Amino acid sequence: MSDVDEKLTLEVLKKLQQRLLHAERRIGVYEVQLSVYREHHAEVLRDLRTIYQLLGQHHDRLGGADASHRKATLVPDDPR
């Protein structure tokens, strides 16, 4: 009976080892995907920062004349 128990235990351990190896491989794939996602996210944030900087530069170039025109046309006078 002891020999049967040992064989059964060995089979169970082999199955567990196979499942663990499979899980480790899948985790490795997810780690790579997550790393790629993080890099892409950082690139998007850099692009957005550049866009906002360019918009700020254009806004500054338009200067006070445009700002006063926008205020005159978009903001009504205070009725009080």
PDB file of N, CA and C in Angstrom:
ATOM      1  N   MET A   1       0.821  -1.194   0.000  1.00  0.00           N
ATOM      2  CA  MET A   1       0.000   0.000   0.000  1.00  0.00           C
ATOM      3  C   MET A   1       0.865   1.257   0.000  1.00  0.00           C
ATOM      4  N   SER A   2       1.990   1.211   0.654  1.00  0.00           N
ATOM      5  CA  SER A   2       2.885   2.354   0.725  1.00  0.00           C
ATOM      6  C   SER A   2       3.418   2.709  -0.655  1.00  0.00           C
ATOM      7  N   ASP A   3       3.697   1.695  -1.469  1.00  0.00           N
ATOM      8  CA  ASP A   3       4.209   1.921  -2.826  1.00  0.00           C
ATOM      9  C   ASP A   3       3.166   2.639  -3.682  1.00  0.00           C
ATOM     10  N   VAL A   4       1.904   2.297  -3.512  1.00  0.00           N
ATOM     11  CA  VAL A   4       0.816   2.942  -4.255  1.00  0.00           C
ATOM     12  C   VAL A   4       0.684   4.399  -3.823  1.00  0.00           C
ATOM     13  N   ASP A   5       0.779   4.648  -2.526  1.00  0.00           N
ATOM     14  CA  ASP A   5       0.699   6.021  -2.016  1.00  0.00           C
ATOM     15  C   ASP A   5       1.837   6.877  -2.557  1.00  0.00           C
ATOM     16  N   GLU A   6       3.034   6.332  -2.619  1.00  0.00           N
ATOM     17  CA  GLU A   6       4.177   7.071  -3.133  1.00  0.00           C
ATOM     18  C   GLU A   6       3.993   7.400  -4.612  1.00  0.00           C
ATOM     19  N   LYS A   7       3.503   6.434  -5.389  1.00  0.00           N
ATOM     20  CA  LYS A   7       3.278   6.673  -6.821  1.00  0.00           C
ATOM     21  C   LYS A   7       2.200   7.738  -7.030  1.00  0.00           C
ATOM     22  N   LEU A   8       1.139   7.657  -6.256  1.00  0.00           N
ATOM     23  CA  LEU A   8       0.069   8.634  -6.355  1.00  0.00           C
ATOM     24  C   LEU A   8       0.571  10.027  -5.980  1.00  0.00           C
ATOM     25  N   THR A   9       1.339  10.111  -4.911  1.00  0.00           N
ATOM     26  CA  THR A   9       1.914  11.394  -4.486  1.00  0.00           C
ATOM     27  C   THR A   9       2.835  11.944  -5.566  1.00  0.00           C
ATOM     28  N   LEU A  10       3.657  11.091  -6.158  1.00  0.00           N
ATOM     29  CA  LEU A  10       4.565  11.513  -7.215  1.00  0.00           C
ATOM     30  C   LEU A  10       3.799  12.043  -8.423  1.00  0.00           C
ATOM     31  N   GLU A  11       2.728  11.370  -8.796  1.00  0.00           N
ATOM     32  CA  GLU A  11       1.908  11.831  -9.928  1.00  0.00           C
ATOM     33  C   GLU A  11       1.267  13.188  -9.642  1.00  0.00           C
ATOM     34  N   VAL A  12       0.763  13.329  -8.425  1.00  0.00           N
ATOM     35  CA  VAL A  12       0.146  14.601  -8.042  1.00  0.00           C
ATOM     36  C   VAL A  12       1.190  15.717  -8.077  1.00  0.00           C
ATOM     37  N   LEU A  13       2.378  15.441  -7.551  1.00  0.00           N
ATOM     38  CA  LEU A  13       3.444  16.449  -7.553  1.00  0.00           C
ATOM     39  C   LEU A  13       3.877  16.807  -8.979  1.00  0.00           C
ATOM     40  N   LYS A  14       3.921  15.826  -9.860  1.00  0.00           N
ATOM     41  CA  LYS A  14       4.275  16.095 -11.267  1.00  0.00           C
ATOM     42  C   LYS A  14       3.240  17.016 -11.915  1.00  0.00           C
ATOM     43  N   LYS A  15       1.979  16.733 -11.667  1.00  0.00           N
ATOM     44  CA  LYS A  15       0.903  17.575 -12.211  1.00  0.00           C
ATOM     45  C   LYS A  15       1.005  19.001 -11.664  1.00  0.00           C
ATOM     46  N   LEU A  16       1.250  19.112 -10.364  1.00  0.00           N
ATOM     47  CA  LEU A  16       1.387  20.435  -9.759  1.00  0.00           C
ATOM     48  C   LEU A  16       2.576  21.188 -10.345  1.00  0.00           C
ATOM     49  N   GLN A  17       3.672  20.484 -10.577  1.00  0.00           N
ATOM     50  CA  GLN A  17       4.852  21.111 -11.161  1.00  0.00           C
ATOM     51  C   GLN A  17       4.543  21.614 -12.578  1.00  0.00           C
ATOM     52  N   GLN A  18       3.837  20.820 -13.360  1.00  0.00           N
ATOM     53  CA  GLN A  18       3.465  21.229 -14.711  1.00  0.00           C
ATOM     54  C   GLN A  18       2.583  22.480 -14.683  1.00  0.00           C
ATOM     55  N   ARG A  19       1.619  22.477 -13.797  1.00  0.00           N
ATOM     56  CA  ARG A  19       0.719  23.637 -13.688  1.00  0.00           C
ATOM     57  C   ARG A  19       1.480  24.882 -13.239  1.00  0.00           C
ATOM     58  N   LEU A  20       2.406  24.711 -12.308  1.00  0.00           N
ATOM     59  CA  LEU A  20       3.201  25.833 -11.828  1.00  0.00           C
ATOM     60  C   LEU A  20       4.077  26.393 -12.950  1.00  0.00           C
ATOM     61  N   LEU A  21       4.707  25.539 -13.730  1.00  0.00           N
ATOM     62  CA  LEU A  21       5.514  25.998 -14.860  1.00  0.00           C
ATOM     63  C   LEU A  21       4.661  26.749 -15.872  1.00  0.00           C
ATOM     64  N   HIS A  22       3.474  26.231 -16.142  1.00  0.00           N
ATOM     65  CA  HIS A  22       2.560  26.906 -17.072  1.00  0.00           C
ATOM     66  C   HIS A  22       2.165  28.282 -16.529  1.00  0.00           C
ATOM     67  N   ALA A  23       1.857  28.351 -15.247  1.00  0.00           N
ATOM     68  CA  ALA A  23       1.480  29.626 -14.640  1.00  0.00           C
ATOM     69  C   ALA A  23       2.651  30.609 -14.682  1.00  0.00           C
ATOM     70  N   GLU A  24       3.855  30.151 -14.435  1.00  0.00           N
ATOM     71  CA  GLU A  24       5.034  31.021 -14.482  1.00  0.00           C
ATOM     72  C   GLU A  24       5.254  31.575 -15.897  1.00  0.00           C
ATOM     73  N   ARG A  25       5.034  30.750 -16.906  1.00  0.00           N
ATOM     74  CA  ARG A  25       5.163  31.224 -18.291  1.00  0.00           C
ATOM     75  C   ARG A  25       4.130  32.307 -18.595  1.00  0.00           C
ATOM     76  N   ARG A  26       2.914  32.078 -18.172  1.00  0.00           N
ATOM     77  CA  ARG A  26       1.853  33.066 -18.422  1.00  0.00           C
ATOM     78  C   ARG A  26       2.141  34.369 -17.684  1.00  0.00           C
ATOM     79  N   ILE A  27       2.633  34.278 -16.465  1.00  0.00           N
ATOM     80  CA  ILE A  27       2.991  35.477 -15.712  1.00  0.00           C
ATOM     81  C   ILE A  27       4.090  36.234 -16.443  1.00  0.00           C
ATOM     82  N   GLY A  28       5.056  35.517 -16.989  1.00  0.00           N
ATOM     83  CA  GLY A  28       6.124  36.151 -17.761  1.00  0.00           C
ATOM     84  C   GLY A  28       5.591  36.916 -18.953  1.00  0.00           C
ATOM     85  N   VAL A  29       4.619  36.334 -19.642  1.00  0.00           N
ATOM     86  CA  VAL A  29       4.001  37.010 -20.786  1.00  0.00           C
ATOM     87  C   VAL A  29       3.283  38.277 -20.322  1.00  0.00           C
ATOM     88  N   TYR A  30       2.551  38.194 -19.227  1.00  0.00           N
ATOM     89  CA  TYR A  30       1.842  39.365 -18.709  1.00  0.00           C
ATOM     90  C   TYR A  30       2.811  40.450 -18.257  1.00  0.00           C
ATOM     91  N   GLU A  31       3.957  40.056 -17.695  1.00  0.00           N
ATOM     92  CA  GLU A  31       4.954  41.039 -17.291  1.00  0.00           C
ATOM     93  C   GLU A  31       5.482  41.803 -18.497  1.00  0.00           C
ATOM     94  N   VAL A  32       5.720  41.096 -19.590  1.00  0.00           N
ATOM     95  CA  VAL A  32       6.193  41.752 -20.815  1.00  0.00           C
ATOM     96  C   VAL A  32       5.122  42.703 -21.340  1.00  0.00           C
ATOM     97  N   GLN A  33       3.882  42.256 -21.379  1.00  0.00           N
ATOM     98  CA  GLN A  33       2.798  43.104 -21.858  1.00  0.00           C
ATOM     99  C   GLN A  33       2.637  44.341 -20.984  1.00  0.00           C
ATOM    100  N   LEU A  34       2.743  44.178 -19.679  1.00  0.00           N
ATOM    101  CA  LEU A  34       2.624  45.303 -18.766  1.00  0.00           C
ATOM    102  C   LEU A  34       3.765  46.293 -18.969  1.00  0.00           C
ATOM    103  N   SER A  35       4.948  45.789 -19.205  1.00  0.00           N
ATOM    104  CA  SER A  35       6.096  46.656 -19.455  1.00  0.00           C
ATOM    105  C   SER A  35       5.890  47.471 -20.736  1.00  0.00           C
ATOM    106  N   VAL A  36       5.383  46.837 -21.772  1.00  0.00           N
ATOM    107  CA  VAL A  36       5.105  47.537 -23.026  1.00  0.00           C
ATOM    108  C   VAL A  36       4.025  48.595 -22.807  1.00  0.00           C
ATOM    109  N   TYR A  37       2.997  48.254 -22.044  1.00  0.00           N
ATOM    110  CA  TYR A  37       1.929  49.209 -21.744  1.00  0.00           C
ATOM    111  C   TYR A  37       2.483  50.417 -20.997  1.00  0.00           C
ATOM    112  N   ARG A  38       3.340  50.175 -20.021  1.00  0.00           N
ATOM    113  CA  ARG A  38       3.927  51.284 -19.252  1.00  0.00           C
ATOM    114  C   ARG A  38       4.746  52.198 -20.151  1.00  0.00           C
ATOM    115  N   GLU A  39       5.540  51.620 -21.045  1.00  0.00           N
ATOM    116  CA  GLU A  39       6.343  52.427 -21.965  1.00  0.00           C
ATOM    117  C   GLU A  39       5.443  53.264 -22.869  1.00  0.00           C
ATOM    118  N   HIS A  40       4.385  52.652 -23.374  1.00  0.00           N
ATOM    119  CA  HIS A  40       3.452  53.379 -24.242  1.00  0.00           C
ATOM    120  C   HIS A  40       2.783  54.515 -23.469  1.00  0.00           C
ATOM    121  N   HIS A  41       2.382  54.242 -22.247  1.00  0.00           N
ATOM    122  CA  HIS A  41       1.741  55.249 -21.407  1.00  0.00           C
ATOM    123  C   HIS A  41       2.686  56.429 -21.176  1.00  0.00           C
ATOM    124  N   ALA A  42       3.942  56.142 -20.899  1.00  0.00           N
ATOM    125  CA  ALA A  42       4.926  57.209 -20.680  1.00  0.00           C
ATOM    126  C   ALA A  42       5.114  58.034 -21.958  1.00  0.00           C
ATOM    127  N   GLU A  43       5.119  57.379 -23.109  1.00  0.00           N
ATOM    128  CA  GLU A  43       5.251  58.097 -24.383  1.00  0.00           C
ATOM    129  C   GLU A  43       4.049  58.997 -24.634  1.00  0.00           C
ATOM    130  N   VAL A  44       2.869  58.521 -24.330  1.00  0.00           N
ATOM    131  CA  VAL A  44       1.658  59.329 -24.501  1.00  0.00           C
ATOM    132  C   VAL A  44       1.717  60.557 -23.596  1.00  0.00           C
ATOM    133  N   LEU A  45       2.147  60.360 -22.355  1.00  0.00           N
ATOM    134  CA  LEU A  45       2.268  61.501 -21.440  1.00  0.00           C
ATOM    135  C   LEU A  45       3.295  62.515 -21.940  1.00  0.00           C
ATOM    136  N   ARG A  46       4.414  62.037 -22.494  1.00  0.00           N
ATOM    137  CA  ARG A  46       5.412  62.957 -23.058  1.00  0.00           C
ATOM    138  C   ARG A  46       4.824  63.727 -24.237  1.00  0.00           C
ATOM    139  N   ASP A  47       4.086  63.033 -25.092  1.00  0.00           N
ATOM    140  CA  ASP A  47       3.458  63.694 -26.240  1.00  0.00           C
ATOM    141  C   ASP A  47       2.461  64.756 -25.782  1.00  0.00           C
ATOM    142  N   LEU A  48       1.659  64.430 -24.786  1.00  0.00           N
ATOM    143  CA  LEU A  48       0.694  65.407 -24.267  1.00  0.00           C
ATOM    144  C   LEU A  48       1.395  66.620 -23.675  1.00  0.00           C
ATOM    145  N   ARG A  49       2.477  66.375 -22.947  1.00  0.00           N
ATOM    146  CA  ARG A  49       3.243  67.482 -22.369  1.00  0.00           C
ATOM    147  C   ARG A  49       3.780  68.393 -23.488  1.00  0.00           C
ATOM    148  N   THR A  50       4.287  67.797 -24.552  1.00  0.00           N
ATOM    149  CA  THR A  50       4.800  68.571 -25.682  1.00  0.00           C
ATOM    150  C   THR A  50       3.683  69.380 -26.335  1.00  0.00           C
ATOM    151  N   ILE A  51       2.516  68.764 -26.503  1.00  0.00           N
ATOM    152  CA  ILE A  51       1.377  69.464 -27.111  1.00  0.00           C
ATOM    153  C   ILE A  51       0.977  70.657 -26.254  1.00  0.00           C
ATOM    154  N   TYR A  52       0.892  70.472 -24.937  1.00  0.00           N
ATOM    155  CA  TYR A  52       0.523  71.582 -24.058  1.00  0.00           C
ATOM    156  C   TYR A  52       1.574  72.686 -24.076  1.00  0.00           C
ATOM    157  N   GLN A  53       2.846  72.315 -24.178  1.00  0.00           N
ATOM    158  CA  GLN A  53       3.898  73.333 -24.270  1.00  0.00           C
ATOM    159  C   GLN A  53       3.753  74.137 -25.555  1.00  0.00           C
ATOM    160  N   LEU A  54       3.500  73.436 -26.660  1.00  0.00           N
ATOM    161  CA  LEU A  54       3.311  74.133 -27.932  1.00  0.00           C
ATOM    162  C   LEU A  54       2.084  75.039 -27.899  1.00  0.00           C
ATOM    163  N   LEU A  55       1.000  74.551 -27.310  1.00  0.00           N
ATOM    164  CA  LEU A  55      -0.193  75.382 -27.192  1.00  0.00           C
ATOM    165  C   LEU A  55       0.080  76.620 -26.344  1.00  0.00           C
ATOM    166  N   GLY A  56       0.836  76.442 -25.277  1.00  0.00           N
ATOM    167  CA  GLY A  56       1.196  77.579 -24.436  1.00  0.00           C
ATOM    168  C   GLY A  56       2.042  78.584 -25.192  1.00  0.00           C
ATOM    169  N   GLN A  57       2.965  78.096 -26.006  1.00  0.00           N
ATOM    170  CA  GLN A  57       3.800  79.009 -26.807  1.00  0.00           C
ATOM    171  C   GLN A  57       2.944  79.776 -27.802  1.00  0.00           C
ATOM    172  N   HIS A  58       2.028  79.095 -28.459  1.00  0.00           N
ATOM    173  CA  HIS A  58       1.148  79.768 -29.414  1.00  0.00           C
ATOM    174  C   HIS A  58       0.256  80.786 -28.702  1.00  0.00           C
ATOM    175  N   HIS A  59      -0.221  80.418 -27.550  1.00  0.00           N
ATOM    176  CA  HIS A  59      -1.057  81.328 -26.770  1.00  0.00           C
ATOM    177  C   HIS A  59      -0.266  82.583 -26.401  1.00  0.00           C
ATOM    178  N   ASP A  60       0.980  82.389 -25.981  1.00  0.00           N
ATOM    179  CA  ASP A  60       1.823  83.530 -25.620  1.00  0.00           C
ATOM    180  C   ASP A  60       2.120  84.406 -26.842  1.00  0.00           C
ATOM    181  N   ARG A  61       2.297  83.793 -28.003  1.00  0.00           N
ATOM    182  CA  ARG A  61       2.583  84.560 -29.225  1.00  0.00           C
ATOM    183  C   ARG A  61       1.384  85.406 -29.644  1.00  0.00           C
ATOM    184  N   LEU A  62       0.186  84.859 -29.415  1.00  0.00           N
ATOM    185  CA  LEU A  62      -1.002  85.632 -29.782  1.00  0.00           C
ATOM    186  C   LEU A  62      -1.097  86.890 -28.933  1.00  0.00           C
ATOM    187  N   GLY A  63      -0.618  86.802 -27.735  1.00  0.00           N
ATOM    188  CA  GLY A  63      -0.423  87.971 -26.907  1.00  0.00           C
ATOM    189  C   GLY A  63      -1.674  88.643 -26.403  1.00  0.00           C
ATOM    190  N   GLY A  64      -1.458  89.887 -25.932  1.00  0.00           N
ATOM    191  CA  GLY A  64      -2.504  90.635 -25.274  1.00  0.00           C
ATOM    192  C   GLY A  64      -3.613  91.105 -26.190  1.00  0.00           C
ATOM    193  N   ALA A  65      -3.320  91.400 -27.447  1.00  0.00           N
ATOM    194  CA  ALA A  65      -4.356  91.910 -28.350  1.00  0.00           C
ATOM    195  C   ALA A  65      -5.458  90.880 -28.521  1.00  0.00           C
ATOM    196  N   ASP A  66      -5.043  89.647 -28.735  1.00  0.00           N
ATOM    197  CA  ASP A  66      -6.042  88.593 -28.906  1.00  0.00           C
ATOM    198  C   ASP A  66      -6.790  88.354 -27.602  1.00  0.00           C
ATOM    199  N   ALA A  67      -6.093  88.403 -26.491  1.00  0.00           N
ATOM    200  CA  ALA A  67      -6.744  88.167 -25.196  1.00  0.00           C
ATOM    201  C   ALA A  67      -7.773  89.247 -24.906  1.00  0.00           C
ATOM    202  N   SER A  68      -7.426  90.507 -25.211  1.00  0.00           N
ATOM    203  CA  SER A  68      -8.392  91.574 -24.952  1.00  0.00           C
ATOM    204  C   SER A  68      -9.576  91.469 -25.913  1.00  0.00           C
ATOM    205  N   HIS A  69      -9.334  91.048 -27.148  1.00  0.00           N
ATOM    206  CA  HIS A  69     -10.422  90.850 -28.110  1.00  0.00           C
ATOM    207  C   HIS A  69     -11.362  89.750 -27.632  1.00  0.00           C
ATOM    208  N   ARG A  70     -10.774  88.643 -27.152  1.00  0.00           N
ATOM    209  CA  ARG A  70     -11.615  87.553 -26.652  1.00  0.00           C
ATOM    210  C   ARG A  70     -12.424  88.009 -25.451  1.00  0.00           C
ATOM    211  N   LYS A  71     -11.825  88.788 -24.590  1.00  0.00           N
ATOM    212  CA  LYS A  71     -12.551  89.264 -23.414  1.00  0.00           C
ATOM    213  C   LYS A  71     -13.692  90.175 -23.837  1.00  0.00           C
ATOM    214  N   ALA A  72     -13.447  91.018 -24.807  1.00  0.00           N
ATOM    215  CA  ALA A  72     -14.478  91.955 -25.254  1.00  0.00           C
ATOM    216  C   ALA A  72     -15.622  91.222 -25.958  1.00  0.00           C
ATOM    217  N   THR A  73     -15.326  90.155 -26.666  1.00  0.00           N
ATOM    218  CA  THR A  73     -16.372  89.486 -27.432  1.00  0.00           C
ATOM    219  C   THR A  73     -17.047  88.353 -26.666  1.00  0.00           C
ATOM    220  N   LEU A  74     -16.341  87.751 -25.737  1.00  0.00           N
ATOM    221  CA  LEU A  74     -16.894  86.572 -25.078  1.00  0.00           C
ATOM    222  C   LEU A  74     -17.410  86.841 -23.672  1.00  0.00           C
ATOM    223  N   VAL A  75     -16.881  87.852 -23.021  1.00  0.00           N
ATOM    224  CA  VAL A  75     -17.288  88.128 -21.642  1.00  0.00           C
ATOM    225  C   VAL A  75     -18.124  89.402 -21.638  1.00  0.00           C
ATOM    226  N   PRO A  76     -19.402  89.308 -21.340  1.00  0.00           N
ATOM    227  CA  PRO A  76     -20.252  90.526 -21.338  1.00  0.00           C
ATOM    228  C   PRO A  76     -19.837  91.445 -20.193  1.00  0.00           C
ATOM    229  N   ASP A  77     -20.126  92.729 -20.382  1.00  0.00           N
ATOM    230  CA  ASP A  77     -19.830  93.700 -19.335  1.00  0.00           C
ATOM    231  C   ASP A  77     -20.688  93.439 -18.121  1.00  0.00           C
ATOM    232  N   ASP A  78     -20.166  93.797 -16.984  1.00  0.00           N
ATOM    233  CA  ASP A  78     -20.889  93.631 -15.715  1.00  0.00           C
ATOM    234  C   ASP A  78     -22.042  94.637 -15.692  1.00  0.00           C
ATOM    235  N   PRO A  79     -23.296  94.169 -15.602  1.00  0.00           N
ATOM    236  CA  PRO A  79     -24.431  95.089 -15.658  1.00  0.00           C
ATOM    237  C   PRO A  79     -24.538  95.979 -14.415  1.00  0.00           C
ATOM    238  N   ARG A  80     -23.806  95.717 -13.384  1.00  0.00           N
ATOM    239  CA  ARG A  80     -23.920  96.507 -12.160  1.00  0.00           C
ATOM    240  C   ARG A  80     -23.241  97.813 -12.255  1.00  0.00           C
TER     241      ARG A  80
END
